[in-house]
Amino acid sequence: KRILVFVGLNILAMGILDSFTVAVLWEEVAWIVFAAMGWLVCLHLR
């Protein structure tokens, strides 16, 4: 739950910056999602 909250806050912040600034952050969001998937897999194995 906490991992999902942490990742969700990062994605939300990236989305706000992508919308309200000149930054293009879709690639960064994709890497965050990838890291979240890997993290949850490791947690399941643990």
ModelCIF file with pLDDT and N, C-alpha, C, O atoms, coordinates in Angstrom:
data_MODEL
#
_entry.id   MODEL 
#
_entity.id                         1 
_entity.type                       polymer 
_entity.pdbx_number_of_molecules   1 
#
_entity_poly.entity_id                      1 
_entity_poly.type                           'polypeptide(L)' 
_entity_poly.nstd_linkage                   no 
_entity_poly.nstd_monomer                   no 
_entity_poly.pdbx_seq_one_letter_code       KRILVFVGLNILAMGILDSFTVAVLWEEVAWIVFAAMGWLVCLHLR 
_entity_poly.pdbx_seq_one_letter_code_can   KRILVFVGLNILAMGILDSFTVAVLWEEVAWIVFAAMGWLVCLHLR 
_entity_poly.pdbx_strand_id                 A 
#
loop_
_entity_poly_seq.entity_id 
_entity_poly_seq.num 
_entity_poly_seq.mon_id 
_entity_poly_seq.hetero 
1 1  LYS n 
1 2  ARG n 
1 3  ILE n 
1 4  LEU n 
1 5  VAL n 
1 6  PHE n 
1 7  VAL n 
1 8  GLY n 
1 9  LEU n 
1 10 ASN n 
1 11 ILE n 
1 12 LEU n 
1 13 ALA n 
1 14 MET n 
1 15 GLY n 
1 16 ILE n 
1 17 LEU n 
1 18 ASP n 
1 19 SER n 
1 20 PHE n 
1 21 THR n 
1 22 VAL n 
1 23 ALA n 
1 24 VAL n 
1 25 LEU n 
1 26 TRP n 
1 27 GLU n 
1 28 GLU n 
1 29 VAL n 
1 30 ALA n 
1 31 TRP n 
1 32 ILE n 
1 33 VAL n 
1 34 PHE n 
1 35 ALA n 
1 36 ALA n 
1 37 MET n 
1 38 GLY n 
1 39 TRP n 
1 40 LEU n 
1 41 VAL n 
1 42 CYS n 
1 43 LEU n 
1 44 HIS n 
1 45 LEU n 
1 46 ARG n 
#
_struct_asym.id          A 
_struct_asym.entity_id   1 
#
loop_
_ma_qa_metric.id 
_ma_qa_metric.mode 
_ma_qa_metric.name 
_ma_qa_metric.software_group_id 
_ma_qa_metric.type 
1 global pLDDT . pLDDT 
2 local  pLDDT . pLDDT 
#
_ma_qa_metric_global.metric_id      1 
_ma_qa_metric_global.metric_value   86.04 
_ma_qa_metric_global.model_id       1 
_ma_qa_metric_global.ordinal_id     1 
#
loop_
_ma_qa_metric_local.label_asym_id 
_ma_qa_metric_local.label_comp_id 
_ma_qa_metric_local.label_seq_id 
_ma_qa_metric_local.metric_id 
_ma_qa_metric_local.metric_value 
_ma_qa_metric_local.model_id 
_ma_qa_metric_local.ordinal_id 
A LYS 1  2 91.00 1 1  
A ARG 2  2 92.00 1 2  
A ILE 3  2 92.00 1 3  
A LEU 4  2 92.00 1 4  
A VAL 5  2 93.00 1 5  
A PHE 6  2 93.00 1 6  
A VAL 7  2 92.00 1 7  
A GLY 8  2 92.00 1 8  
A LEU 9  2 94.00 1 9  
A ASN 10 2 93.00 1 10 
A ILE 11 2 92.00 1 11 
A LEU 12 2 91.00 1 12 
A ALA 13 2 91.00 1 13 
A MET 14 2 89.00 1 14 
A GLY 15 2 85.00 1 15 
A ILE 16 2 86.00 1 16 
A LEU 17 2 85.00 1 17 
A ASP 18 2 80.00 1 18 
A SER 19 2 75.00 1 19 
A PHE 20 2 74.00 1 20 
A THR 21 2 71.00 1 21 
A VAL 22 2 62.00 1 22 
A ALA 23 2 73.00 1 23 
A VAL 24 2 75.00 1 24 
A LEU 25 2 82.00 1 25 
A TRP 26 2 80.00 1 26 
A GLU 27 2 82.00 1 27 
A GLU 28 2 87.00 1 28 
A VAL 29 2 88.00 1 29 
A ALA 30 2 85.00 1 30 
A TRP 31 2 87.00 1 31 
A ILE 32 2 91.00 1 32 
A VAL 33 2 89.00 1 33 
A PHE 34 2 86.00 1 34 
A ALA 35 2 90.00 1 35 
A ALA 36 2 90.00 1 36 
A MET 37 2 86.00 1 37 
A GLY 38 2 86.00 1 38 
A TRP 39 2 90.00 1 39 
A LEU 40 2 89.00 1 40 
A VAL 41 2 85.00 1 41 
A CYS 42 2 87.00 1 42 
A LEU 43 2 89.00 1 43 
A HIS 44 2 86.00 1 44 
A LEU 45 2 84.00 1 45 
A ARG 46 2 86.00 1 46 
#
loop_
_atom_site.group_PDB 
_atom_site.id 
_atom_site.type_symbol 
_atom_site.label_atom_id 
_atom_site.label_alt_id 
_atom_site.label_comp_id 
_atom_site.label_asym_id 
_atom_site.label_entity_id 
_atom_site.label_seq_id 
_atom_site.pdbx_PDB_ins_code 
_atom_site.Cartn_x 
_atom_site.Cartn_y 
_atom_site.Cartn_z 
_atom_site.occupancy 
_atom_site.B_iso_or_equiv 
_atom_site.pdbx_formal_charge 
_atom_site.auth_seq_id 
_atom_site.auth_comp_id 
_atom_site.auth_asym_id 
_atom_site.auth_atom_id 
_atom_site.pdbx_PDB_model_num 
ATOM 1   N N  . LYS A 1 1  ? 0.824  -1.210  0.000   1.00 91.00 ? 1  LYS A N  1 
ATOM 2   C CA . LYS A 1 1  ? 0.000  0.000   0.000   1.00 91.00 ? 1  LYS A CA 1 
ATOM 3   C C  . LYS A 1 1  ? 0.854  1.254   0.000   1.00 91.00 ? 1  LYS A C  1 
ATOM 4   O O  . LYS A 1 1  ? 0.593  2.196   -0.748  1.00 91.00 ? 1  LYS A O  1 
ATOM 5   N N  . ARG A 1 2  ? 1.885  1.261   0.851   1.00 92.00 ? 2  ARG A N  1 
ATOM 6   C CA . ARG A 1 2  ? 2.744  2.446   0.937   1.00 92.00 ? 2  ARG A CA 1 
ATOM 7   C C  . ARG A 1 2  ? 3.571  2.633   -0.333  1.00 92.00 ? 2  ARG A C  1 
ATOM 8   O O  . ARG A 1 2  ? 3.813  3.758   -0.771  1.00 92.00 ? 2  ARG A O  1 
ATOM 9   N N  . ILE A 1 3  ? 3.997  1.524   -0.911  1.00 92.00 ? 3  ILE A N  1 
ATOM 10  C CA . ILE A 1 3  ? 4.733  1.627   -2.171  1.00 92.00 ? 3  ILE A CA 1 
ATOM 11  C C  . ILE A 1 3  ? 3.842  2.235   -3.246  1.00 92.00 ? 3  ILE A C  1 
ATOM 12  O O  . ILE A 1 3  ? 4.285  3.109   -3.992  1.00 92.00 ? 3  ILE A O  1 
ATOM 13  N N  . LEU A 1 4  ? 2.605  1.790   -3.333  1.00 92.00 ? 4  LEU A N  1 
ATOM 14  C CA . LEU A 1 4  ? 1.679  2.323   -4.331  1.00 92.00 ? 4  LEU A CA 1 
ATOM 15  C C  . LEU A 1 4  ? 1.391  3.804   -4.082  1.00 92.00 ? 4  LEU A C  1 
ATOM 16  O O  . LEU A 1 4  ? 1.289  4.585   -5.028  1.00 92.00 ? 4  LEU A O  1 
ATOM 17  N N  . VAL A 1 5  ? 1.258  4.191   -2.805  1.00 93.00 ? 5  VAL A N  1 
ATOM 18  C CA . VAL A 1 5  ? 1.051  5.610   -2.494  1.00 93.00 ? 5  VAL A CA 1 
ATOM 19  C C  . VAL A 1 5  ? 2.259  6.430   -2.915  1.00 93.00 ? 5  VAL A C  1 
ATOM 20  O O  . VAL A 1 5  ? 2.114  7.484   -3.535  1.00 93.00 ? 5  VAL A O  1 
ATOM 21  N N  . PHE A 1 6  ? 3.456  5.946   -2.578  1.00 93.00 ? 6  PHE A N  1 
ATOM 22  C CA . PHE A 1 6  ? 4.690  6.649   -2.942  1.00 93.00 ? 6  PHE A CA 1 
ATOM 23  C C  . PHE A 1 6  ? 4.818  6.804   -4.452  1.00 93.00 ? 6  PHE A C  1 
ATOM 24  O O  . PHE A 1 6  ? 5.094  7.897   -4.947  1.00 93.00 ? 6  PHE A O  1 
ATOM 25  N N  . VAL A 1 7  ? 4.617  5.718   -5.179  1.00 92.00 ? 7  VAL A N  1 
ATOM 26  C CA . VAL A 1 7  ? 4.721  5.768   -6.637  1.00 92.00 ? 7  VAL A CA 1 
ATOM 27  C C  . VAL A 1 7  ? 3.620  6.654   -7.219  1.00 92.00 ? 7  VAL A C  1 
ATOM 28  O O  . VAL A 1 7  ? 3.866  7.432   -8.140  1.00 92.00 ? 7  VAL A O  1 
ATOM 29  N N  . GLY A 1 8  ? 2.402  6.533   -6.677  1.00 92.00 ? 8  GLY A N  1 
ATOM 30  C CA . GLY A 1 8  ? 1.308  7.354   -7.170  1.00 92.00 ? 8  GLY A CA 1 
ATOM 31  C C  . GLY A 1 8  ? 1.570  8.837   -7.000  1.00 92.00 ? 8  GLY A C  1 
ATOM 32  O O  . GLY A 1 8  ? 1.248  9.629   -7.885  1.00 92.00 ? 8  GLY A O  1 
ATOM 33  N N  . LEU A 1 9  ? 2.156  9.226   -5.865  1.00 94.00 ? 9  LEU A N  1 
ATOM 34  C CA . LEU A 1 9  ? 2.488  10.637  -5.651  1.00 94.00 ? 9  LEU A CA 1 
ATOM 35  C C  . LEU A 1 9  ? 3.537  11.122  -6.653  1.00 94.00 ? 9  LEU A C  1 
ATOM 36  O O  . LEU A 1 9  ? 3.464  12.249  -7.143  1.00 94.00 ? 9  LEU A O  1 
ATOM 37  N N  . ASN A 1 10 ? 4.506  10.265  -6.949  1.00 93.00 ? 10 ASN A N  1 
ATOM 38  C CA . ASN A 1 10 ? 5.524  10.640  -7.940  1.00 93.00 ? 10 ASN A CA 1 
ATOM 39  C C  . ASN A 1 10 ? 4.906  10.823  -9.320  1.00 93.00 ? 10 ASN A C  1 
ATOM 40  O O  . ASN A 1 10 ? 5.215  11.787  -10.021 1.00 93.00 ? 10 ASN A O  1 
ATOM 41  N N  . ILE A 1 11 ? 4.030  9.897   -9.709  1.00 92.00 ? 11 ILE A N  1 
ATOM 42  C CA . ILE A 1 11 ? 3.391  10.001  -11.025 1.00 92.00 ? 11 ILE A CA 1 
ATOM 43  C C  . ILE A 1 11 ? 2.484  11.229  -11.088 1.00 92.00 ? 11 ILE A C  1 
ATOM 44  O O  . ILE A 1 11 ? 2.445  11.927  -12.101 1.00 92.00 ? 11 ILE A O  1 
ATOM 45  N N  . LEU A 1 12 ? 1.750  11.492  -9.994  1.00 91.00 ? 12 LEU A N  1 
ATOM 46  C CA . LEU A 1 12 ? 0.885  12.670  -9.947  1.00 91.00 ? 12 LEU A CA 1 
ATOM 47  C C  . LEU A 1 12 ? 1.698  13.953  -10.086 1.00 91.00 ? 12 LEU A C  1 
ATOM 48  O O  . LEU A 1 12 ? 1.325  14.857  -10.834 1.00 91.00 ? 12 LEU A O  1 
ATOM 49  N N  . ALA A 1 13 ? 2.814  14.026  -9.359  1.00 91.00 ? 13 ALA A N  1 
ATOM 50  C CA . ALA A 1 13 ? 3.659  15.220  -9.438  1.00 91.00 ? 13 ALA A CA 1 
ATOM 51  C C  . ALA A 1 13 ? 4.225  15.395  -10.843 1.00 91.00 ? 13 ALA A C  1 
ATOM 52  O O  . ALA A 1 13 ? 4.246  16.504  -11.376 1.00 91.00 ? 13 ALA A O  1 
ATOM 53  N N  . MET A 1 14 ? 4.685  14.295  -11.441 1.00 89.00 ? 14 MET A N  1 
ATOM 54  C CA . MET A 1 14 ? 5.195  14.362  -12.812 1.00 89.00 ? 14 MET A CA 1 
ATOM 55  C C  . MET A 1 14 ? 4.099  14.814  -13.783 1.00 89.00 ? 14 MET A C  1 
ATOM 56  O O  . MET A 1 14 ? 4.351  15.611  -14.688 1.00 89.00 ? 14 MET A O  1 
ATOM 57  N N  . GLY A 1 15 ? 2.890  14.301  -13.587 1.00 85.00 ? 15 GLY A N  1 
ATOM 58  C CA . GLY A 1 15 ? 1.790  14.685  -14.461 1.00 85.00 ? 15 GLY A CA 1 
ATOM 59  C C  . GLY A 1 15 ? 1.457  16.162  -14.361 1.00 85.00 ? 15 GLY A C  1 
ATOM 60  O O  . GLY A 1 15 ? 1.188  16.811  -15.372 1.00 85.00 ? 15 GLY A O  1 
ATOM 61  N N  . ILE A 1 16 ? 1.474  16.700  -13.138 1.00 86.00 ? 16 ILE A N  1 
ATOM 62  C CA . ILE A 1 16 ? 1.200  18.133  -12.953 1.00 86.00 ? 16 ILE A CA 1 
ATOM 63  C C  . ILE A 1 16 ? 2.283  18.976  -13.618 1.00 86.00 ? 16 ILE A C  1 
ATOM 64  O O  . ILE A 1 16 ? 1.977  19.957  -14.295 1.00 86.00 ? 16 ILE A O  1 
ATOM 65  N N  . LEU A 1 17 ? 3.541  18.601  -13.430 1.00 85.00 ? 17 LEU A N  1 
ATOM 66  C CA . LEU A 1 17 ? 4.639  19.348  -14.051 1.00 85.00 ? 17 LEU A CA 1 
ATOM 67  C C  . LEU A 1 17 ? 4.580  19.257  -15.572 1.00 85.00 ? 17 LEU A C  1 
ATOM 68  O O  . LEU A 1 17 ? 4.866  20.230  -16.269 1.00 85.00 ? 17 LEU A O  1 
ATOM 69  N N  . ASP A 1 18 ? 4.204  18.075  -16.087 1.00 80.00 ? 18 ASP A N  1 
ATOM 70  C CA . ASP A 1 18 ? 4.100  17.911  -17.538 1.00 80.00 ? 18 ASP A CA 1 
ATOM 71  C C  . ASP A 1 18 ? 2.998  18.806  -18.108 1.00 80.00 ? 18 ASP A C  1 
ATOM 72  O O  . ASP A 1 18 ? 3.136  19.328  -19.214 1.00 80.00 ? 18 ASP A O  1 
ATOM 73  N N  . SER A 1 19 ? 1.899  18.988  -17.354 1.00 75.00 ? 19 SER A N  1 
ATOM 74  C CA . SER A 1 19 ? 0.768  19.776  -17.840 1.00 75.00 ? 19 SER A CA 1 
ATOM 75  C C  . SER A 1 19 ? 0.986  21.275  -17.694 1.00 75.00 ? 19 SER A C  1 
ATOM 76  O O  . SER A 1 19 ? 0.584  22.044  -18.567 1.00 75.00 ? 19 SER A O  1 
ATOM 77  N N  . PHE A 1 20 ? 1.622  21.705  -16.594 1.00 74.00 ? 20 PHE A N  1 
ATOM 78  C CA . PHE A 1 20 ? 1.676  23.124  -16.277 1.00 74.00 ? 20 PHE A CA 1 
ATOM 79  C C  . PHE A 1 20 ? 3.040  23.762  -16.524 1.00 74.00 ? 20 PHE A C  1 
ATOM 80  O O  . PHE A 1 20 ? 3.215  24.952  -16.261 1.00 74.00 ? 20 PHE A O  1 
ATOM 81  N N  . THR A 1 21 ? 4.000  23.002  -17.018 1.00 71.00 ? 21 THR A N  1 
ATOM 82  C CA . THR A 1 21 ? 5.311  23.564  -17.365 1.00 71.00 ? 21 THR A CA 1 
ATOM 83  C C  . THR A 1 21 ? 5.687  23.124  -18.765 1.00 71.00 ? 21 THR A C  1 
ATOM 84  O O  . THR A 1 21 ? 4.953  22.374  -19.408 1.00 71.00 ? 21 THR A O  1 
ATOM 85  N N  . VAL A 1 22 ? 6.837  23.595  -19.237 1.00 62.00 ? 22 VAL A N  1 
ATOM 86  C CA . VAL A 1 22 ? 7.295  23.234  -20.577 1.00 62.00 ? 22 VAL A CA 1 
ATOM 87  C C  . VAL A 1 22 ? 7.956  21.863  -20.618 1.00 62.00 ? 22 VAL A C  1 
ATOM 88  O O  . VAL A 1 22 ? 8.323  21.385  -21.692 1.00 62.00 ? 22 VAL A O  1 
ATOM 89  N N  . ALA A 1 23 ? 8.111  21.226  -19.460 1.00 73.00 ? 23 ALA A N  1 
ATOM 90  C CA . ALA A 1 23 ? 8.786  19.928  -19.405 1.00 73.00 ? 23 ALA A CA 1 
ATOM 91  C C  . ALA A 1 23 ? 7.911  18.840  -20.023 1.00 73.00 ? 23 ALA A C  1 
ATOM 92  O O  . ALA A 1 23 ? 6.689  18.856  -19.875 1.00 73.00 ? 23 ALA A O  1 
ATOM 93  N N  . VAL A 1 24 ? 8.553  17.893  -20.719 1.00 75.00 ? 24 VAL A N  1 
ATOM 94  C CA . VAL A 1 24 ? 7.882  16.714  -21.274 1.00 75.00 ? 24 VAL A CA 1 
ATOM 95  C C  . VAL A 1 24 ? 8.379  15.509  -20.477 1.00 75.00 ? 24 VAL A C  1 
ATOM 96  O O  . VAL A 1 24 ? 9.551  15.144  -20.565 1.00 75.00 ? 24 VAL A O  1 
ATOM 97  N N  . LEU A 1 25 ? 7.489  14.894  -19.698 1.00 82.00 ? 25 LEU A N  1 
ATOM 98  C CA . LEU A 1 25 ? 7.921  13.924  -18.690 1.00 82.00 ? 25 LEU A CA 1 
ATOM 99  C C  . LEU A 1 25 ? 7.297  12.552  -18.868 1.00 82.00 ? 25 LEU A C  1 
ATOM 100 O O  . LEU A 1 25 ? 7.274  11.764  -17.924 1.00 82.00 ? 25 LEU A O  1 
ATOM 101 N N  . TRP A 1 26 ? 6.785  12.245  -20.071 1.00 80.00 ? 26 TRP A N  1 
ATOM 102 C CA . TRP A 1 26 ? 6.174  10.927  -20.267 1.00 80.00 ? 26 TRP A CA 1 
ATOM 103 C C  . TRP A 1 26 ? 7.203  9.814   -20.130 1.00 80.00 ? 26 TRP A C  1 
ATOM 104 O O  . TRP A 1 26 ? 6.890  8.747   -19.602 1.00 80.00 ? 26 TRP A O  1 
ATOM 105 N N  . GLU A 1 27 ? 8.396  10.042  -20.586 1.00 82.00 ? 27 GLU A N  1 
ATOM 106 C CA . GLU A 1 27 ? 9.427  9.012   -20.479 1.00 82.00 ? 27 GLU A CA 1 
ATOM 107 C C  . GLU A 1 27 ? 9.774  8.751   -19.019 1.00 82.00 ? 27 GLU A C  1 
ATOM 108 O O  . GLU A 1 27 ? 9.957  7.604   -18.611 1.00 82.00 ? 27 GLU A O  1 
ATOM 109 N N  . GLU A 1 28 ? 9.864  9.831   -18.230 1.00 87.00 ? 28 GLU A N  1 
ATOM 110 C CA . GLU A 1 28 ? 10.147 9.664   -16.804 1.00 87.00 ? 28 GLU A CA 1 
ATOM 111 C C  . GLU A 1 28 ? 9.023  8.900   -16.105 1.00 87.00 ? 28 GLU A C  1 
ATOM 112 O O  . GLU A 1 28 ? 9.285  8.054   -15.249 1.00 87.00 ? 28 GLU A O  1 
ATOM 113 N N  . VAL A 1 29 ? 7.771  9.196   -16.468 1.00 88.00 ? 29 VAL A N  1 
ATOM 114 C CA . VAL A 1 29 ? 6.636  8.483   -15.884 1.00 88.00 ? 29 VAL A CA 1 
ATOM 115 C C  . VAL A 1 29 ? 6.708  6.997   -16.223 1.00 88.00 ? 29 VAL A C  1 
ATOM 116 O O  . VAL A 1 29 ? 6.443  6.148   -15.372 1.00 88.00 ? 29 VAL A O  1 
ATOM 117 N N  . ALA A 1 30 ? 7.067  6.686   -17.467 1.00 85.00 ? 30 ALA A N  1 
ATOM 118 C CA . ALA A 1 30 ? 7.176  5.283   -17.876 1.00 85.00 ? 30 ALA A CA 1 
ATOM 119 C C  . ALA A 1 30 ? 8.216  4.548   -17.046 1.00 85.00 ? 30 ALA A C  1 
ATOM 120 O O  . ALA A 1 30 ? 7.996  3.405   -16.645 1.00 85.00 ? 30 ALA A O  1 
ATOM 121 N N  . TRP A 1 31 ? 9.359  5.201   -16.781 1.00 87.00 ? 31 TRP A N  1 
ATOM 122 C CA . TRP A 1 31 ? 10.399 4.564   -15.965 1.00 87.00 ? 31 TRP A CA 1 
ATOM 123 C C  . TRP A 1 31 ? 9.940  4.386   -14.514 1.00 87.00 ? 31 TRP A C  1 
ATOM 124 O O  . TRP A 1 31 ? 10.288 3.393   -13.875 1.00 87.00 ? 31 TRP A O  1 
ATOM 125 N N  . ILE A 1 32 ? 9.165  5.336   -13.992 1.00 91.00 ? 32 ILE A N  1 
ATOM 126 C CA . ILE A 1 32 ? 8.650  5.198   -12.630 1.00 91.00 ? 32 ILE A CA 1 
ATOM 127 C C  . ILE A 1 32 ? 7.698  4.011   -12.544 1.00 91.00 ? 32 ILE A C  1 
ATOM 128 O O  . ILE A 1 32 ? 7.745  3.245   -11.581 1.00 91.00 ? 32 ILE A O  1 
ATOM 129 N N  . VAL A 1 33 ? 6.835  3.853   -13.547 1.00 89.00 ? 33 VAL A N  1 
ATOM 130 C CA . VAL A 1 33 ? 5.913  2.710   -13.571 1.00 89.00 ? 33 VAL A CA 1 
ATOM 131 C C  . VAL A 1 33 ? 6.691  1.400   -13.642 1.00 89.00 ? 33 VAL A C  1 
ATOM 132 O O  . VAL A 1 33 ? 6.345  0.429   -12.969 1.00 89.00 ? 33 VAL A O  1 
ATOM 133 N N  . PHE A 1 34 ? 7.743  1.375   -14.461 1.00 86.00 ? 34 PHE A N  1 
ATOM 134 C CA . PHE A 1 34 ? 8.584  0.183   -14.568 1.00 86.00 ? 34 PHE A CA 1 
ATOM 135 C C  . PHE A 1 34 ? 9.226  -0.147  -13.222 1.00 86.00 ? 34 PHE A C  1 
ATOM 136 O O  . PHE A 1 34 ? 9.245  -1.307  -12.809 1.00 86.00 ? 34 PHE A O  1 
ATOM 137 N N  . ALA A 1 35 ? 9.752  0.871   -12.539 1.00 90.00 ? 35 ALA A N  1 
ATOM 138 C CA . ALA A 1 35 ? 10.375 0.652   -11.229 1.00 90.00 ? 35 ALA A CA 1 
ATOM 139 C C  . ALA A 1 35 ? 9.348  0.153   -10.217 1.00 90.00 ? 35 ALA A C  1 
ATOM 140 O O  . ALA A 1 35 ? 9.655  -0.709  -9.393  1.00 90.00 ? 35 ALA A O  1 
ATOM 141 N N  . ALA A 1 36 ? 8.130  0.691   -10.277 1.00 90.00 ? 36 ALA A N  1 
ATOM 142 C CA . ALA A 1 36 ? 7.087  0.256   -9.347  1.00 90.00 ? 36 ALA A CA 1 
ATOM 143 C C  . ALA A 1 36 ? 6.744  -1.210  -9.558  1.00 90.00 ? 36 ALA A C  1 
ATOM 144 O O  . ALA A 1 36 ? 6.568  -1.951  -8.591  1.00 90.00 ? 36 ALA A O  1 
ATOM 145 N N  . MET A 1 37 ? 6.647  -1.634  -10.813 1.00 86.00 ? 37 MET A N  1 
ATOM 146 C CA . MET A 1 37 ? 6.367  -3.039  -11.100 1.00 86.00 ? 37 MET A CA 1 
ATOM 147 C C  . MET A 1 37 ? 7.466  -3.932  -10.552 1.00 86.00 ? 37 MET A C  1 
ATOM 148 O O  . MET A 1 37 ? 7.185  -4.952  -9.922  1.00 86.00 ? 37 MET A O  1 
ATOM 149 N N  . GLY A 1 38 ? 8.712  -3.555  -10.790 1.00 86.00 ? 38 GLY A N  1 
ATOM 150 C CA . GLY A 1 38 ? 9.828  -4.348  -10.276 1.00 86.00 ? 38 GLY A CA 1 
ATOM 151 C C  . GLY A 1 38 ? 9.845  -4.401  -8.761  1.00 86.00 ? 38 GLY A C  1 
ATOM 152 O O  . GLY A 1 38 ? 10.126 -5.443  -8.169  1.00 86.00 ? 38 GLY A O  1 
ATOM 153 N N  . TRP A 1 39 ? 9.543  -3.271  -8.137  1.00 90.00 ? 39 TRP A N  1 
ATOM 154 C CA . TRP A 1 39 ? 9.519  -3.203  -6.671  1.00 90.00 ? 39 TRP A CA 1 
ATOM 155 C C  . TRP A 1 39 ? 8.455  -4.138  -6.100  1.00 90.00 ? 39 TRP A C  1 
ATOM 156 O O  . TRP A 1 39 ? 8.718  -4.870  -5.145  1.00 90.00 ? 39 TRP A O  1 
ATOM 157 N N  . LEU A 1 40 ? 7.259  -4.115  -6.679  1.00 89.00 ? 40 LEU A N  1 
ATOM 158 C CA . LEU A 1 40 ? 6.169  -4.964  -6.186  1.00 89.00 ? 40 LEU A CA 1 
ATOM 159 C C  . LEU A 1 40 ? 6.467  -6.448  -6.404  1.00 89.00 ? 40 LEU A C  1 
ATOM 160 O O  . LEU A 1 40 ? 6.103  -7.281  -5.575  1.00 89.00 ? 40 LEU A O  1 
ATOM 161 N N  . VAL A 1 41 ? 7.116  -6.775  -7.499  1.00 85.00 ? 41 VAL A N  1 
ATOM 162 C CA . VAL A 1 41 ? 7.512  -8.168  -7.733  1.00 85.00 ? 41 VAL A CA 1 
ATOM 163 C C  . VAL A 1 41 ? 8.486  -8.628  -6.655  1.00 85.00 ? 41 VAL A C  1 
ATOM 164 O O  . VAL A 1 41 ? 8.341  -9.720  -6.105  1.00 85.00 ? 41 VAL A O  1 
ATOM 165 N N  . CYS A 1 42 ? 9.484  -7.790  -6.354  1.00 87.00 ? 42 CYS A N  1 
ATOM 166 C CA . CYS A 1 42 ? 10.454 -8.147  -5.307  1.00 87.00 ? 42 CYS A CA 1 
ATOM 167 C C  . CYS A 1 42 ? 9.769  -8.277  -3.948  1.00 87.00 ? 42 CYS A C  1 
ATOM 168 O O  . CYS A 1 42 ? 10.103 -9.172  -3.171  1.00 87.00 ? 42 CYS A O  1 
ATOM 169 N N  . LEU A 1 43 ? 8.806  -7.385  -3.651  1.00 89.00 ? 43 LEU A N  1 
ATOM 170 C CA . LEU A 1 43 ? 8.083  -7.474  -2.393  1.00 89.00 ? 43 LEU A CA 1 
ATOM 171 C C  . LEU A 1 43 ? 7.294  -8.783  -2.300  1.00 89.00 ? 43 LEU A C  1 
ATOM 172 O O  . LEU A 1 43 ? 7.253  -9.412  -1.242  1.00 89.00 ? 43 LEU A O  1 
ATOM 173 N N  . HIS A 1 44 ? 6.674  -9.189  -3.401  1.00 86.00 ? 44 HIS A N  1 
ATOM 174 C CA . HIS A 1 44 ? 5.929  -10.449 -3.417  1.00 86.00 ? 44 HIS A CA 1 
ATOM 175 C C  . HIS A 1 44 ? 6.856  -11.638 -3.144  1.00 86.00 ? 44 HIS A C  1 
ATOM 176 O O  . HIS A 1 44 ? 6.512  -12.541 -2.381  1.00 86.00 ? 44 HIS A O  1 
ATOM 177 N N  . LEU A 1 45 ? 8.032  -11.625 -3.773  1.00 84.00 ? 45 LEU A N  1 
ATOM 178 C CA . LEU A 1 45 ? 8.987  -12.712 -3.557  1.00 84.00 ? 45 LEU A CA 1 
ATOM 179 C C  . LEU A 1 45 ? 9.502  -12.715 -2.119  1.00 84.00 ? 45 LEU A C  1 
ATOM 180 O O  . LEU A 1 45 ? 9.720  -13.778 -1.537  1.00 84.00 ? 45 LEU A O  1 
ATOM 181 N N  . ARG A 1 46 ? 9.697  -11.528 -1.548  1.00 86.00 ? 46 ARG A N  1 
ATOM 182 C CA . ARG A 1 46 ? 10.156 -11.449 -0.157  1.00 86.00 ? 46 ARG A CA 1 
ATOM 183 C C  . ARG A 1 46 ? 9.108  -12.037 0.791   1.00 86.00 ? 46 ARG A C  1 
ATOM 184 O O  . ARG A 1 46 ? 9.316  -12.059 2.004   1.00 86.00 ? 46 ARG A O  1 
#
